[in-house]
Amino acid sequence: MVVLTDFQQDVISELFNIGMGSAAASLSQMVGETVTLSVPSVEYIAQEEAVQRIQNIVGSQKVTGVKESFKGSFWGDALLIFPESRSRELVRALLKDDELPLETITEMEQEALTEVGNIILNACLGSLANIFKQNLIYGLPQYTQGDCEELLASGTEKKSDEGLLLLHMDFILQQTNLNGYLTLLMNVESVKALSEQIDLYLEEMA
């Protein structure tokens, strides 16, 4: 399995962090609260390990997510994953409705979460594309819900014996603490391409 160096992982974390300021501002406007996004931690690990790690922290196998495909000089699927129960609290904040039942997610609520996912995913991927001076083509964001392992295994050209990039960031609202997980499902060739882009970027900055 291709493994990014610790230094390359740190670089990716810093590059993603550049795009987080605009994402936090947009999300704050949507929910009417101050929103802070922590600096993301990045690592390239085996799919099985990623599934177990997310399930341990989330405390459940069931998650809610937004998936968006991307392609260009590097490619794959981006997934923004929330704990299923906590995502409903975010919906309450988005729709500004404290009386909203937490038991069900309606189509309107799915659209609200999808919009949040679209903002965060595009901010992250867009920051990489801009810094690397590359064009990325994005697919339409799709709401998804179910077993964490199934979601992580559903990526484009994804094989179970390959790894994935796991990015963890905390979404902190004034009234709601919410952990979100941004995961990039990329096959070996795509990660190699991303690694090359990182090295080219560092050469230009030297």
N, C-alpha and C. Protein backbone atom coordinates (compact mmCIF):
# COMPACT_ATOMS: atom_id res chain seq x y z
N MET A 1 0.84 -1.19 0.00
CA MET A 1 0.00 0.00 0.00
C MET A 1 0.88 1.24 0.00
N VAL A 2 0.58 2.18 -0.88
CA VAL A 2 1.32 3.43 -0.93
C VAL A 2 1.04 4.24 0.33
N VAL A 3 2.10 4.71 0.95
CA VAL A 3 1.94 5.48 2.17
C VAL A 3 2.57 6.85 1.97
N LEU A 4 1.81 7.91 2.19
CA LEU A 4 2.36 9.25 2.14
C LEU A 4 3.28 9.47 3.33
N THR A 5 4.33 10.21 3.13
CA THR A 5 5.22 10.52 4.25
C THR A 5 4.51 11.41 5.26
N ASP A 6 5.02 11.43 6.47
CA ASP A 6 4.44 12.29 7.50
C ASP A 6 4.46 13.75 7.05
N PHE A 7 5.55 14.14 6.40
CA PHE A 7 5.67 15.52 5.94
C PHE A 7 4.61 15.83 4.89
N GLN A 8 4.39 14.91 3.95
CA GLN A 8 3.37 15.11 2.92
C GLN A 8 1.98 15.20 3.55
N GLN A 9 1.73 14.38 4.56
CA GLN A 9 0.44 14.43 5.25
C GLN A 9 0.26 15.79 5.94
N ASP A 10 1.32 16.31 6.52
CA ASP A 10 1.25 17.62 7.16
C ASP A 10 0.97 18.71 6.14
N VAL A 11 1.59 18.58 4.96
CA VAL A 11 1.37 19.57 3.90
C VAL A 11 -0.09 19.56 3.45
N ILE A 12 -0.65 18.36 3.25
CA ILE A 12 -2.05 18.25 2.84
C ILE A 12 -2.96 18.88 3.89
N SER A 13 -2.67 18.63 5.16
CA SER A 13 -3.47 19.21 6.24
C SER A 13 -3.45 20.73 6.18
N GLU A 14 -2.27 21.31 5.98
CA GLU A 14 -2.15 22.75 5.91
C GLU A 14 -2.88 23.32 4.69
N LEU A 15 -2.80 22.60 3.55
CA LEU A 15 -3.44 23.07 2.34
C LEU A 15 -4.96 23.03 2.47
N PHE A 16 -5.48 21.97 3.07
CA PHE A 16 -6.92 21.89 3.30
C PHE A 16 -7.37 23.00 4.25
N ASN A 17 -6.54 23.31 5.22
CA ASN A 17 -6.91 24.30 6.22
C ASN A 17 -7.12 25.68 5.59
N ILE A 18 -6.44 25.94 4.48
CA ILE A 18 -6.57 27.23 3.80
C ILE A 18 -8.01 27.45 3.34
N GLY A 19 -8.64 26.37 2.86
CA GLY A 19 -10.00 26.50 2.36
C GLY A 19 -11.08 26.46 3.43
N MET A 20 -10.68 26.21 4.68
CA MET A 20 -11.67 26.03 5.73
C MET A 20 -12.27 27.34 6.24
N GLY A 21 -11.53 28.44 6.08
CA GLY A 21 -12.04 29.72 6.57
C GLY A 21 -13.32 30.12 5.86
N SER A 22 -13.33 30.03 4.53
CA SER A 22 -14.53 30.39 3.77
C SER A 22 -15.67 29.41 4.03
N ALA A 23 -15.34 28.14 4.23
CA ALA A 23 -16.35 27.13 4.52
C ALA A 23 -17.02 27.42 5.86
N ALA A 24 -16.22 27.78 6.86
CA ALA A 24 -16.76 28.08 8.19
C ALA A 24 -17.66 29.31 8.14
N ALA A 25 -17.25 30.32 7.36
CA ALA A 25 -18.04 31.54 7.26
C ALA A 25 -19.39 31.26 6.60
N SER A 26 -19.37 30.44 5.53
CA SER A 26 -20.62 30.11 4.84
C SER A 26 -21.54 29.28 5.72
N LEU A 27 -20.97 28.32 6.42
CA LEU A 27 -21.78 27.48 7.31
C LEU A 27 -22.34 28.29 8.47
N SER A 28 -21.56 29.22 8.98
CA SER A 28 -22.01 30.08 10.08
C SER A 28 -23.22 30.90 9.65
N GLN A 29 -23.18 31.39 8.42
CA GLN A 29 -24.30 32.18 7.91
C GLN A 29 -25.55 31.32 7.77
N MET A 30 -25.37 30.06 7.39
CA MET A 30 -26.50 29.16 7.20
C MET A 30 -27.20 28.83 8.52
N VAL A 31 -26.41 28.60 9.58
CA VAL A 31 -27.00 28.17 10.85
C VAL A 31 -27.24 29.34 11.81
N GLY A 32 -26.71 30.53 11.48
CA GLY A 32 -26.91 31.67 12.35
C GLY A 32 -26.13 31.58 13.63
N GLU A 33 -25.05 30.83 13.63
CA GLU A 33 -24.19 30.70 14.81
C GLU A 33 -22.73 30.81 14.38
N THR A 34 -21.88 31.12 15.35
CA THR A 34 -20.45 31.09 15.08
C THR A 34 -20.01 29.65 14.90
N VAL A 35 -19.30 29.38 13.81
CA VAL A 35 -18.84 28.03 13.51
C VAL A 35 -17.32 28.02 13.43
N THR A 36 -16.72 27.13 14.15
CA THR A 36 -15.26 26.96 14.10
C THR A 36 -14.94 25.57 13.58
N LEU A 37 -14.05 25.51 12.61
CA LEU A 37 -13.58 24.23 12.09
C LEU A 37 -12.12 24.07 12.50
N SER A 38 -11.81 22.99 13.17
CA SER A 38 -10.43 22.77 13.61
C SER A 38 -9.53 22.43 12.43
N VAL A 39 -8.24 22.57 12.64
CA VAL A 39 -7.28 22.16 11.62
C VAL A 39 -7.42 20.66 11.41
N PRO A 40 -7.59 20.22 10.16
CA PRO A 40 -7.77 18.78 9.93
C PRO A 40 -6.50 17.99 10.14
N SER A 41 -6.64 16.80 10.69
CA SER A 41 -5.53 15.85 10.75
C SER A 41 -5.67 14.90 9.57
N VAL A 42 -4.56 14.52 8.99
CA VAL A 42 -4.57 13.73 7.76
C VAL A 42 -3.69 12.50 7.91
N GLU A 43 -4.19 11.37 7.45
CA GLU A 43 -3.36 10.16 7.38
C GLU A 43 -3.88 9.24 6.30
N TYR A 44 -2.97 8.46 5.75
CA TYR A 44 -3.32 7.49 4.72
C TYR A 44 -3.24 6.10 5.35
N ILE A 45 -4.40 5.45 5.49
CA ILE A 45 -4.45 4.18 6.21
C ILE A 45 -5.31 3.17 5.47
N ALA A 46 -5.23 1.92 5.91
CA ALA A 46 -6.03 0.87 5.31
C ALA A 46 -7.51 1.11 5.57
N GLN A 47 -8.34 0.65 4.64
CA GLN A 47 -9.78 0.88 4.75
C GLN A 47 -10.35 0.28 6.03
N GLU A 48 -9.94 -0.94 6.36
CA GLU A 48 -10.45 -1.59 7.57
C GLU A 48 -10.14 -0.76 8.80
N GLU A 49 -8.93 -0.23 8.88
CA GLU A 49 -8.53 0.58 10.03
C GLU A 49 -9.34 1.86 10.09
N ALA A 50 -9.59 2.46 8.92
CA ALA A 50 -10.37 3.70 8.87
C ALA A 50 -11.79 3.47 9.36
N VAL A 51 -12.41 2.38 8.91
CA VAL A 51 -13.78 2.05 9.33
C VAL A 51 -13.85 1.89 10.84
N GLN A 52 -12.90 1.13 11.39
CA GLN A 52 -12.90 0.88 12.83
C GLN A 52 -12.69 2.16 13.62
N ARG A 53 -11.80 3.01 13.12
CA ARG A 53 -11.50 4.25 13.83
C ARG A 53 -12.72 5.17 13.87
N ILE A 54 -13.39 5.31 12.73
CA ILE A 54 -14.56 6.18 12.67
C ILE A 54 -15.68 5.62 13.55
N GLN A 55 -15.88 4.31 13.49
CA GLN A 55 -16.94 3.70 14.30
C GLN A 55 -16.66 3.87 15.79
N ASN A 56 -15.38 3.75 16.19
CA ASN A 56 -15.04 3.89 17.61
C ASN A 56 -15.33 5.29 18.12
N ILE A 57 -14.99 6.31 17.32
CA ILE A 57 -15.18 7.68 17.76
C ILE A 57 -16.65 8.08 17.66
N VAL A 58 -17.30 7.66 16.56
CA VAL A 58 -18.71 7.99 16.38
C VAL A 58 -19.57 7.24 17.40
N GLY A 59 -19.15 6.02 17.72
CA GLY A 59 -19.90 5.21 18.68
C GLY A 59 -21.03 4.44 18.04
N SER A 60 -21.01 4.35 16.71
CA SER A 60 -22.07 3.63 16.01
C SER A 60 -21.59 3.25 14.62
N GLN A 61 -22.14 2.16 14.08
CA GLN A 61 -21.84 1.78 12.72
C GLN A 61 -22.63 2.61 11.72
N LYS A 62 -23.74 3.19 12.17
CA LYS A 62 -24.62 3.93 11.28
C LYS A 62 -24.18 5.40 11.18
N VAL A 63 -24.02 5.87 9.97
CA VAL A 63 -23.60 7.24 9.77
C VAL A 63 -24.42 7.89 8.66
N THR A 64 -24.38 9.20 8.63
CA THR A 64 -24.99 9.99 7.58
C THR A 64 -23.87 10.70 6.84
N GLY A 65 -23.98 10.78 5.52
CA GLY A 65 -22.90 11.40 4.78
C GLY A 65 -23.34 12.05 3.49
N VAL A 66 -22.40 12.80 2.93
CA VAL A 66 -22.56 13.40 1.62
C VAL A 66 -21.36 13.00 0.78
N LYS A 67 -21.63 12.44 -0.40
CA LYS A 67 -20.55 11.96 -1.26
C LYS A 67 -20.49 12.77 -2.54
N GLU A 68 -19.27 13.07 -2.96
CA GLU A 68 -19.08 13.82 -4.20
C GLU A 68 -17.85 13.29 -4.92
N SER A 69 -18.01 12.90 -6.17
CA SER A 69 -16.87 12.41 -6.95
C SER A 69 -16.08 13.59 -7.51
N PHE A 70 -14.81 13.36 -7.76
CA PHE A 70 -13.97 14.39 -8.37
C PHE A 70 -12.94 13.71 -9.26
N LYS A 71 -12.53 14.41 -10.31
CA LYS A 71 -11.52 13.87 -11.20
C LYS A 71 -10.71 15.00 -11.80
N GLY A 72 -9.48 14.66 -12.15
CA GLY A 72 -8.54 15.63 -12.68
C GLY A 72 -7.15 15.03 -12.61
N SER A 73 -6.16 15.82 -12.16
CA SER A 73 -4.80 15.30 -12.03
C SER A 73 -4.72 14.25 -10.93
N PHE A 74 -5.66 14.28 -9.98
CA PHE A 74 -5.88 13.19 -9.04
C PHE A 74 -7.40 13.04 -8.92
N TRP A 75 -7.87 11.90 -8.48
CA TRP A 75 -9.30 11.59 -8.61
C TRP A 75 -9.76 10.65 -7.49
N GLY A 76 -11.08 10.54 -7.36
CA GLY A 76 -11.64 9.65 -6.36
C GLY A 76 -13.02 10.13 -5.93
N ASP A 77 -13.40 9.78 -4.71
CA ASP A 77 -14.67 10.19 -4.12
C ASP A 77 -14.39 10.85 -2.78
N ALA A 78 -15.03 11.97 -2.53
CA ALA A 78 -14.93 12.65 -1.24
C ALA A 78 -16.20 12.38 -0.46
N LEU A 79 -16.05 12.00 0.80
CA LEU A 79 -17.18 11.71 1.67
C LEU A 79 -17.10 12.57 2.92
N LEU A 80 -18.17 13.28 3.23
CA LEU A 80 -18.28 13.98 4.50
C LEU A 80 -19.23 13.17 5.37
N ILE A 81 -18.72 12.64 6.48
CA ILE A 81 -19.47 11.70 7.30
C ILE A 81 -19.79 12.30 8.66
N PHE A 82 -21.05 12.17 9.08
CA PHE A 82 -21.50 12.60 10.39
C PHE A 82 -22.08 11.39 11.14
N PRO A 83 -21.98 11.39 12.48
CA PRO A 83 -22.75 10.41 13.24
C PRO A 83 -24.23 10.61 12.92
N GLU A 84 -24.95 9.52 12.71
CA GLU A 84 -26.34 9.63 12.24
C GLU A 84 -27.20 10.47 13.19
N SER A 85 -27.10 10.23 14.49
CA SER A 85 -27.96 10.95 15.44
C SER A 85 -27.56 12.42 15.54
N ARG A 86 -26.27 12.71 15.51
CA ARG A 86 -25.80 14.09 15.64
C ARG A 86 -26.13 14.91 14.41
N SER A 87 -26.18 14.27 13.25
CA SER A 87 -26.49 15.01 12.02
C SER A 87 -27.89 15.63 12.10
N ARG A 88 -28.78 14.97 12.83
CA ARG A 88 -30.14 15.51 12.97
C ARG A 88 -30.15 16.78 13.80
N GLU A 89 -29.21 16.88 14.74
CA GLU A 89 -29.10 18.12 15.51
C GLU A 89 -28.60 19.25 14.61
N LEU A 90 -27.72 18.92 13.68
CA LEU A 90 -27.25 19.92 12.73
C LEU A 90 -28.40 20.39 11.84
N VAL A 91 -29.27 19.45 11.46
CA VAL A 91 -30.44 19.81 10.65
C VAL A 91 -31.31 20.80 11.41
N ARG A 92 -31.49 20.57 12.71
CA ARG A 92 -32.27 21.50 13.53
C ARG A 92 -31.70 22.91 13.46
N ALA A 93 -30.36 22.99 13.54
CA ALA A 93 -29.70 24.30 13.49
C ALA A 93 -29.86 24.93 12.11
N LEU A 94 -29.75 24.10 11.08
CA LEU A 94 -29.86 24.62 9.71
C LEU A 94 -31.26 25.15 9.43
N LEU A 95 -32.27 24.38 9.87
CA LEU A 95 -33.66 24.77 9.60
C LEU A 95 -34.23 25.67 10.68
N LYS A 96 -33.39 25.92 11.73
CA LYS A 96 -33.81 26.80 12.84
C LYS A 96 -35.15 26.36 13.42
N ASP A 97 -35.23 25.04 13.71
CA ASP A 97 -36.48 24.46 14.21
C ASP A 97 -36.15 23.52 15.37
N ASP A 98 -36.27 24.02 16.61
CA ASP A 98 -35.96 23.21 17.78
C ASP A 98 -36.97 22.10 18.02
N GLU A 99 -38.14 22.20 17.38
CA GLU A 99 -39.19 21.21 17.59
C GLU A 99 -39.11 20.07 16.57
N LEU A 100 -38.13 20.14 15.68
CA LEU A 100 -38.00 19.12 14.64
C LEU A 100 -37.73 17.76 15.26
N PRO A 101 -38.54 16.72 14.95
CA PRO A 101 -38.30 15.39 15.50
C PRO A 101 -36.93 14.86 15.08
N LEU A 102 -36.25 14.20 16.01
CA LEU A 102 -34.93 13.66 15.71
C LEU A 102 -34.99 12.24 15.13
N GLU A 103 -36.20 11.67 15.06
CA GLU A 103 -36.30 10.27 14.66
C GLU A 103 -36.19 10.07 13.15
N THR A 104 -36.56 11.06 12.38
CA THR A 104 -36.60 10.86 10.93
C THR A 104 -35.91 12.02 10.20
N ILE A 105 -35.41 11.71 9.03
CA ILE A 105 -34.81 12.72 8.15
C ILE A 105 -35.68 12.82 6.91
N THR A 106 -36.31 13.96 6.72
CA THR A 106 -37.17 14.15 5.56
C THR A 106 -36.34 14.56 4.36
N GLU A 107 -37.00 14.59 3.20
CA GLU A 107 -36.29 14.98 1.97
C GLU A 107 -35.73 16.39 2.08
N MET A 108 -36.49 17.29 2.70
CA MET A 108 -36.02 18.66 2.87
C MET A 108 -34.78 18.70 3.74
N GLU A 109 -34.77 17.88 4.79
CA GLU A 109 -33.62 17.84 5.69
C GLU A 109 -32.40 17.23 5.01
N GLN A 110 -32.64 16.24 4.14
CA GLN A 110 -31.54 15.66 3.37
C GLN A 110 -30.90 16.72 2.48
N GLU A 111 -31.73 17.57 1.90
CA GLU A 111 -31.22 18.64 1.04
C GLU A 111 -30.37 19.62 1.85
N ALA A 112 -30.77 19.87 3.09
CA ALA A 112 -30.01 20.79 3.95
C ALA A 112 -28.64 20.22 4.25
N LEU A 113 -28.58 18.94 4.60
CA LEU A 113 -27.30 18.31 4.88
C LEU A 113 -26.43 18.23 3.63
N THR A 114 -27.07 17.97 2.50
CA THR A 114 -26.32 17.89 1.24
C THR A 114 -25.68 19.23 0.92
N GLU A 115 -26.38 20.32 1.20
CA GLU A 115 -25.82 21.65 0.96
C GLU A 115 -24.62 21.91 1.85
N VAL A 116 -24.69 21.48 3.11
CA VAL A 116 -23.54 21.60 4.01
C VAL A 116 -22.36 20.81 3.47
N GLY A 117 -22.63 19.58 3.05
CA GLY A 117 -21.58 18.75 2.48
C GLY A 117 -20.96 19.38 1.26
N ASN A 118 -21.79 19.96 0.42
CA ASN A 118 -21.31 20.61 -0.80
C ASN A 118 -20.36 21.76 -0.47
N ILE A 119 -20.71 22.55 0.54
CA ILE A 119 -19.86 23.68 0.95
C ILE A 119 -18.51 23.20 1.45
N ILE A 120 -18.53 22.21 2.34
CA ILE A 120 -17.28 21.73 2.95
C ILE A 120 -16.41 21.01 1.94
N LEU A 121 -17.00 20.10 1.16
CA LEU A 121 -16.23 19.32 0.19
C LEU A 121 -15.62 20.21 -0.88
N ASN A 122 -16.40 21.14 -1.40
CA ASN A 122 -15.88 22.03 -2.43
C ASN A 122 -14.79 22.95 -1.90
N ALA A 123 -14.92 23.37 -0.64
CA ALA A 123 -13.89 24.21 -0.05
C ALA A 123 -12.57 23.45 0.06
N CYS A 124 -12.65 22.20 0.51
CA CYS A 124 -11.45 21.39 0.67
C CYS A 124 -10.81 21.06 -0.68
N LEU A 125 -11.61 20.52 -1.58
CA LEU A 125 -11.07 20.14 -2.89
C LEU A 125 -10.65 21.36 -3.69
N GLY A 126 -11.43 22.43 -3.57
CA GLY A 126 -11.11 23.65 -4.30
C GLY A 126 -9.80 24.27 -3.85
N SER A 127 -9.52 24.19 -2.56
CA SER A 127 -8.26 24.74 -2.06
C SER A 127 -7.08 23.98 -2.63
N LEU A 128 -7.20 22.68 -2.75
CA LEU A 128 -6.13 21.88 -3.35
C LEU A 128 -5.96 22.22 -4.82
N ALA A 129 -7.08 22.29 -5.55
CA ALA A 129 -7.02 22.58 -6.98
C ALA A 129 -6.37 23.94 -7.24
N ASN A 130 -6.72 24.94 -6.44
CA ASN A 130 -6.17 26.28 -6.63
C ASN A 130 -4.67 26.32 -6.34
N ILE A 131 -4.28 25.70 -5.26
CA ILE A 131 -2.87 25.73 -4.86
C ILE A 131 -2.00 24.95 -5.85
N PHE A 132 -2.51 23.82 -6.32
CA PHE A 132 -1.77 23.01 -7.29
C PHE A 132 -1.92 23.52 -8.72
N LYS A 133 -2.80 24.55 -8.89
CA LYS A 133 -3.07 25.13 -10.21
C LYS A 133 -3.57 24.05 -11.18
N GLN A 134 -4.51 23.26 -10.68
CA GLN A 134 -5.10 22.18 -11.46
C GLN A 134 -6.61 22.35 -11.48
N ASN A 135 -7.23 21.81 -12.52
CA ASN A 135 -8.68 21.81 -12.62
C ASN A 135 -9.24 20.48 -12.13
N LEU A 136 -10.20 20.54 -11.23
CA LEU A 136 -10.90 19.35 -10.79
C LEU A 136 -12.36 19.46 -11.22
N ILE A 137 -12.89 18.38 -11.73
CA ILE A 137 -14.29 18.33 -12.13
C ILE A 137 -15.06 17.61 -11.03
N TYR A 138 -16.10 18.26 -10.51
CA TYR A 138 -16.87 17.70 -9.41
C TYR A 138 -18.19 17.11 -9.91
N GLY A 139 -18.57 15.99 -9.32
CA GLY A 139 -19.90 15.44 -9.56
C GLY A 139 -20.89 16.12 -8.63
N LEU A 140 -22.16 15.80 -8.79
CA LEU A 140 -23.18 16.36 -7.91
C LEU A 140 -23.10 15.70 -6.54
N PRO A 141 -23.21 16.48 -5.46
CA PRO A 141 -23.18 15.89 -4.12
C PRO A 141 -24.41 15.02 -3.90
N GLN A 142 -24.21 13.89 -3.24
CA GLN A 142 -25.30 12.95 -3.01
C GLN A 142 -25.41 12.62 -1.53
N TYR A 143 -26.62 12.73 -0.99
CA TYR A 143 -26.87 12.35 0.39
C TYR A 143 -26.84 10.83 0.50
N THR A 144 -26.21 10.34 1.56
CA THR A 144 -26.15 8.89 1.76
C THR A 144 -26.24 8.59 3.25
N GLN A 145 -26.78 7.42 3.57
CA GLN A 145 -27.01 7.04 4.96
C GLN A 145 -26.90 5.54 5.07
N GLY A 146 -26.27 5.05 6.16
CA GLY A 146 -26.19 3.61 6.34
C GLY A 146 -24.96 3.19 7.09
N ASP A 147 -24.51 1.98 6.82
CA ASP A 147 -23.38 1.39 7.50
C ASP A 147 -22.08 2.05 7.06
N CYS A 148 -21.23 2.39 8.01
CA CYS A 148 -19.97 3.08 7.72
C CYS A 148 -19.09 2.29 6.76
N GLU A 149 -18.99 1.00 6.97
CA GLU A 149 -18.14 0.16 6.12
C GLU A 149 -18.63 0.17 4.68
N GLU A 150 -19.93 0.11 4.49
CA GLU A 150 -20.49 0.12 3.14
C GLU A 150 -20.22 1.44 2.43
N LEU A 151 -20.33 2.55 3.17
CA LEU A 151 -20.09 3.85 2.56
C LEU A 151 -18.65 4.00 2.11
N LEU A 152 -17.72 3.53 2.94
CA LEU A 152 -16.31 3.66 2.60
C LEU A 152 -15.91 2.72 1.48
N ALA A 153 -16.67 1.65 1.29
CA ALA A 153 -16.34 0.67 0.26
C ALA A 153 -17.00 1.00 -1.07
N SER A 154 -17.75 2.10 -1.13
CA SER A 154 -18.54 2.39 -2.32
C SER A 154 -17.86 3.37 -3.27
N GLY A 155 -16.59 3.65 -3.03
CA GLY A 155 -15.90 4.63 -3.86
C GLY A 155 -15.62 4.15 -5.27
N THR A 156 -15.40 5.09 -6.16
CA THR A 156 -15.09 4.78 -7.55
C THR A 156 -13.78 4.04 -7.65
N GLU A 157 -13.78 2.88 -8.32
CA GLU A 157 -12.59 2.08 -8.54
C GLU A 157 -11.87 1.77 -7.24
N LYS A 158 -12.63 1.61 -6.19
CA LYS A 158 -12.03 1.38 -4.87
C LYS A 158 -11.97 -0.11 -4.57
N LYS A 159 -10.81 -0.58 -4.13
CA LYS A 159 -10.64 -1.98 -3.75
C LYS A 159 -10.35 -2.05 -2.26
N SER A 160 -10.83 -3.12 -1.65
CA SER A 160 -10.74 -3.22 -0.20
C SER A 160 -9.30 -3.33 0.30
N ASP A 161 -8.36 -3.78 -0.58
CA ASP A 161 -6.99 -3.95 -0.12
C ASP A 161 -6.18 -2.67 -0.31
N GLU A 162 -6.80 -1.60 -0.76
CA GLU A 162 -6.11 -0.34 -0.91
C GLU A 162 -6.46 0.56 0.27
N GLY A 163 -5.72 1.66 0.39
CA GLY A 163 -5.95 2.55 1.51
C GLY A 163 -6.84 3.71 1.12
N LEU A 164 -7.01 4.62 2.07
CA LEU A 164 -7.76 5.84 1.79
C LEU A 164 -7.21 6.95 2.66
N LEU A 165 -7.45 8.17 2.22
CA LEU A 165 -7.04 9.33 2.99
C LEU A 165 -8.14 9.65 4.00
N LEU A 166 -7.80 9.68 5.25
CA LEU A 166 -8.77 9.99 6.30
C LEU A 166 -8.43 11.35 6.89
N LEU A 167 -9.36 12.26 6.79
CA LEU A 167 -9.19 13.59 7.35
C LEU A 167 -10.22 13.77 8.45
N HIS A 168 -9.76 14.18 9.61
CA HIS A 168 -10.67 14.38 10.74
C HIS A 168 -10.65 15.84 11.13
N MET A 169 -11.83 16.45 11.21
CA MET A 169 -11.93 17.81 11.68
C MET A 169 -13.14 17.94 12.58
N ASP A 170 -13.09 18.86 13.52
CA ASP A 170 -14.20 19.10 14.44
C ASP A 170 -15.02 20.30 13.96
N PHE A 171 -16.33 20.11 13.89
CA PHE A 171 -17.24 21.20 13.58
C PHE A 171 -17.80 21.69 14.91
N ILE A 172 -17.47 22.90 15.29
CA ILE A 172 -17.88 23.40 16.59
C ILE A 172 -18.86 24.55 16.40
N LEU A 173 -20.12 24.34 16.81
CA LEU A 173 -21.13 25.38 16.80
C LEU A 173 -21.33 25.88 18.24
N GLN A 174 -21.93 27.04 18.39
CA GLN A 174 -22.14 27.60 19.72
C GLN A 174 -22.95 26.67 20.60
N GLN A 175 -23.96 26.04 20.03
CA GLN A 175 -24.86 25.22 20.81
C GLN A 175 -24.72 23.73 20.52
N THR A 176 -23.96 23.38 19.51
CA THR A 176 -23.86 21.98 19.12
C THR A 176 -22.42 21.62 18.80
N ASN A 177 -21.88 20.64 19.51
CA ASN A 177 -20.56 20.11 19.16
C ASN A 177 -20.76 18.94 18.22
N LEU A 178 -20.17 19.03 17.03
CA LEU A 178 -20.40 18.00 16.03
C LEU A 178 -19.08 17.57 15.41
N ASN A 179 -18.79 16.28 15.45
CA ASN A 179 -17.61 15.75 14.80
C ASN A 179 -17.94 15.35 13.38
N GLY A 180 -17.15 15.82 12.44
CA GLY A 180 -17.33 15.44 11.05
C GLY A 180 -16.05 14.80 10.53
N TYR A 181 -16.21 13.87 9.60
CA TYR A 181 -15.06 13.18 9.04
C TYR A 181 -15.06 13.32 7.53
N LEU A 182 -14.03 13.97 7.02
CA LEU A 182 -13.88 14.11 5.59
C LEU A 182 -12.93 13.02 5.11
N THR A 183 -13.43 12.16 4.25
CA THR A 183 -12.65 11.02 3.78
C THR A 183 -12.53 11.06 2.27
N LEU A 184 -11.30 10.95 1.78
CA LEU A 184 -11.07 10.87 0.34
C LEU A 184 -10.78 9.43 -0.03
N LEU A 185 -11.63 8.83 -0.85
CA LEU A 185 -11.43 7.47 -1.31
C LEU A 185 -10.66 7.54 -2.62
N MET A 186 -9.38 7.19 -2.56
CA MET A 186 -8.52 7.29 -3.73
C MET A 186 -7.73 6.00 -3.89
N ASN A 187 -7.66 5.50 -5.13
CA ASN A 187 -6.87 4.30 -5.34
C ASN A 187 -5.38 4.64 -5.37
N VAL A 188 -4.55 3.61 -5.49
CA VAL A 188 -3.11 3.79 -5.37
C VAL A 188 -2.57 4.77 -6.40
N GLU A 189 -3.02 4.65 -7.66
CA GLU A 189 -2.52 5.52 -8.71
C GLU A 189 -2.88 6.98 -8.44
N SER A 190 -4.06 7.21 -7.92
CA SER A 190 -4.48 8.57 -7.62
C SER A 190 -3.66 9.17 -6.49
N VAL A 191 -3.36 8.38 -5.47
CA VAL A 191 -2.55 8.88 -4.36
C VAL A 191 -1.13 9.19 -4.84
N LYS A 192 -0.61 8.37 -5.75
CA LYS A 192 0.70 8.66 -6.33
C LYS A 192 0.66 10.01 -7.05
N ALA A 193 -0.41 10.26 -7.80
CA ALA A 193 -0.55 11.52 -8.53
C ALA A 193 -0.63 12.69 -7.56
N LEU A 194 -1.35 12.53 -6.46
CA LEU A 194 -1.45 13.57 -5.45
C LEU A 194 -0.09 13.84 -4.82
N SER A 195 0.64 12.77 -4.55
CA SER A 195 1.97 12.90 -3.98
C SER A 195 2.89 13.70 -4.90
N GLU A 196 2.78 13.46 -6.21
CA GLU A 196 3.59 14.20 -7.18
C GLU A 196 3.22 15.68 -7.18
N GLN A 197 1.92 15.98 -7.05
CA GLN A 197 1.49 17.37 -7.01
C GLN A 197 2.04 18.08 -5.77
N ILE A 198 2.09 17.36 -4.65
CA ILE A 198 2.63 17.94 -3.42
C ILE A 198 4.11 18.27 -3.60
N ASP A 199 4.85 17.33 -4.20
CA ASP A 199 6.29 17.55 -4.40
C ASP A 199 6.55 18.72 -5.35
N LEU A 200 5.73 18.84 -6.42
CA LEU A 200 5.89 19.95 -7.35
C LEU A 200 5.60 21.28 -6.65
N TYR A 201 4.59 21.29 -5.80
CA TYR A 201 4.22 22.49 -5.06
C TYR A 201 5.38 22.91 -4.13
N LEU A 202 5.98 21.93 -3.46
CA LEU A 202 7.08 22.24 -2.54
C LEU A 202 8.30 22.75 -3.29
N GLU A 203 8.54 22.21 -4.50
CA GLU A 203 9.66 22.68 -5.32
C GLU A 203 9.46 24.14 -5.71
N GLU A 204 8.22 24.51 -6.06
CA GLU A 204 7.94 25.89 -6.45
C GLU A 204 8.08 26.84 -5.27
N MET A 205 7.76 26.33 -4.08
CA MET A 205 7.83 27.19 -2.89
C MET A 205 9.24 27.32 -2.34
N ALA A 206 10.14 26.43 -2.77
CA ALA A 206 11.51 26.42 -2.25
C ALA A 206 12.28 27.66 -2.72
